[in-house]
Amino acid sequence: MTRKLTALCLLVSFIAMASSGLLMLVVDQPSFTLRLHPVHKLFGLLLVGAAGTHLALNARALRQHLRDGRVLAAGLVLAIVLVATYATAALRPLDDTAARQLDEAAERLEAGPAAR
């Protein structure tokens, strides 16, 4: 039963994350991104939990896959790209005033119309 629920959670959360992420890329407007942000955050958390469960349930098979040098190399390349992307984002300069305004706007939008 755990495997079935994990697979279902992975499927639904992947669809939610992929569709909301792609929509945010296509509709390149900060207001739209802020509106989709709660969906992206919630299903991102669900995806992380389901992926962790999936990895725990399939750790032995994953170790066997990593014995193949090509698979290990591909995994290392992906890990390097991930770290480089995070480093680029973290080191990118951002105006403190603009960042604060964005944060405040996001808080107001996520709070809903009753809080305005």
Protein backbone atom coordinates (compact mmCIF):
# COMPACT_ATOMS: atom_id res chain seq x y z
CA MET A 1 0.00 0.00 0.00
CA THR A 2 2.88 2.40 0.79
CA ARG A 3 4.34 1.95 -2.69
CA LYS A 4 0.98 2.61 -4.33
CA LEU A 5 0.34 5.77 -2.30
CA THR A 6 3.90 6.96 -2.91
CA ALA A 7 3.51 6.43 -6.66
CA LEU A 8 0.21 8.32 -6.65
CA CYS A 9 1.68 11.21 -4.65
CA LEU A 10 4.67 11.36 -6.99
CA LEU A 11 2.40 11.43 -10.03
CA VAL A 12 0.04 14.15 -8.78
CA SER A 13 2.77 16.31 -7.27
CA PHE A 14 4.92 15.99 -10.40
CA ILE A 15 1.99 17.09 -12.58
CA ALA A 16 1.29 20.02 -10.25
CA MET A 17 4.94 21.11 -10.08
CA ALA A 18 5.56 20.67 -13.80
CA SER A 19 2.38 22.44 -14.89
CA SER A 20 2.74 25.34 -12.45
CA GLY A 21 6.45 25.71 -13.26
CA LEU A 22 5.84 25.66 -17.00
CA LEU A 23 2.98 28.15 -16.66
CA MET A 24 5.26 30.48 -14.69
CA LEU A 25 7.83 30.21 -17.49
CA VAL A 26 5.31 30.84 -20.26
CA VAL A 27 3.38 33.61 -18.50
CA ASP A 28 6.40 35.67 -17.50
CA GLN A 29 4.62 38.07 -15.15
CA PRO A 30 5.55 38.37 -11.47
CA SER A 31 1.88 38.77 -10.51
CA PHE A 32 1.03 35.45 -12.16
CA THR A 33 4.02 33.76 -10.52
CA LEU A 34 2.88 35.04 -7.13
CA ARG A 35 -0.62 33.69 -7.72
CA LEU A 36 0.69 30.21 -8.57
CA HIS A 37 3.28 30.21 -5.80
CA PRO A 38 1.06 28.54 -3.14
CA VAL A 39 0.30 25.63 -5.50
CA HIS A 40 3.98 25.28 -6.37
CA LYS A 41 5.04 25.37 -2.69
CA LEU A 42 2.44 22.90 -1.42
CA PHE A 43 3.01 20.32 -4.12
CA GLY A 44 6.76 20.88 -3.89
CA LEU A 45 6.62 19.75 -0.27
CA LEU A 46 4.48 16.76 -1.23
CA LEU A 47 6.94 15.90 -4.01
CA VAL A 48 9.89 16.02 -1.61
CA GLY A 49 8.14 13.73 0.87
CA ALA A 50 7.03 11.27 -1.79
CA ALA A 51 10.47 11.28 -3.43
CA GLY A 52 12.13 10.60 -0.08
CA THR A 53 9.79 7.68 0.51
CA HIS A 54 10.42 6.42 -3.04
CA LEU A 55 14.18 6.61 -2.52
CA ALA A 56 13.94 4.76 0.78
CA LEU A 57 11.79 2.03 -0.77
CA ASN A 58 14.11 1.68 -3.77
CA ALA A 59 17.55 2.36 -2.27
CA ARG A 60 18.92 -1.05 -3.24
CA ALA A 61 17.90 -0.68 -6.89
CA LEU A 62 19.34 2.86 -6.98
CA ARG A 63 22.69 1.60 -5.68
CA GLN A 64 22.69 -1.05 -8.41
CA HIS A 65 22.00 1.59 -11.08
CA LEU A 66 24.89 3.72 -9.81
CA ARG A 67 27.32 0.84 -10.34
CA ASP A 68 27.04 1.56 -14.07
CA GLY A 69 29.75 4.16 -14.73
CA ARG A 70 27.68 5.98 -17.36
CA VAL A 71 24.75 6.37 -14.98
CA LEU A 72 27.08 7.55 -12.21
CA ALA A 73 28.69 10.06 -14.59
CA ALA A 74 25.30 11.38 -15.69
CA GLY A 75 24.28 11.74 -12.06
CA LEU A 76 27.46 13.65 -11.25
CA VAL A 77 26.95 15.99 -14.21
CA LEU A 78 23.38 16.68 -13.07
CA ALA A 79 24.57 17.29 -9.50
CA ILE A 80 27.23 19.74 -10.74
CA VAL A 81 24.65 21.59 -12.86
CA LEU A 82 22.35 21.77 -9.81
CA VAL A 83 25.07 23.17 -7.55
CA ALA A 84 26.19 25.65 -10.23
CA THR A 85 22.62 26.84 -10.74
CA TYR A 86 22.11 27.35 -6.99
CA ALA A 87 25.47 29.16 -6.74
CA THR A 88 24.55 31.43 -9.65
CA ALA A 89 21.21 32.27 -8.06
CA ALA A 90 22.72 32.83 -4.60
CA LEU A 91 25.50 35.09 -5.88
CA ARG A 92 23.28 37.12 -8.20
CA PRO A 93 23.01 40.72 -6.95
CA LEU A 94 19.54 41.86 -5.98
CA ASP A 95 18.49 45.31 -4.86
CA ASP A 96 17.40 45.11 -1.20
CA THR A 97 14.54 47.58 -1.66
CA ALA A 98 13.14 45.75 -4.67
CA ALA A 99 13.48 42.41 -2.88
CA ARG A 100 11.63 43.75 0.17
CA GLN A 101 8.84 45.10 -2.03
CA LEU A 102 8.49 41.73 -3.77
CA ASP A 103 8.40 39.91 -0.43
CA GLU A 104 5.72 42.25 0.90
CA ALA A 105 3.63 41.88 -2.26
CA ALA A 106 3.89 38.10 -2.06
CA GLU A 107 2.78 38.13 1.58
CA ARG A 108 -0.24 40.30 0.76
CA LEU A 109 -1.20 38.14 -2.21
CA GLU A 110 -0.87 34.87 -0.33
CA ALA A 111 -2.88 36.26 2.59
CA GLY A 112 -5.86 36.74 0.28
CA PRO A 113 -8.32 39.59 -0.25
CA ALA A 114 -9.55 39.59 3.36
CA ALA A 115 -6.13 40.67 4.65
CA ARG A 116 -5.85 43.66 2.29
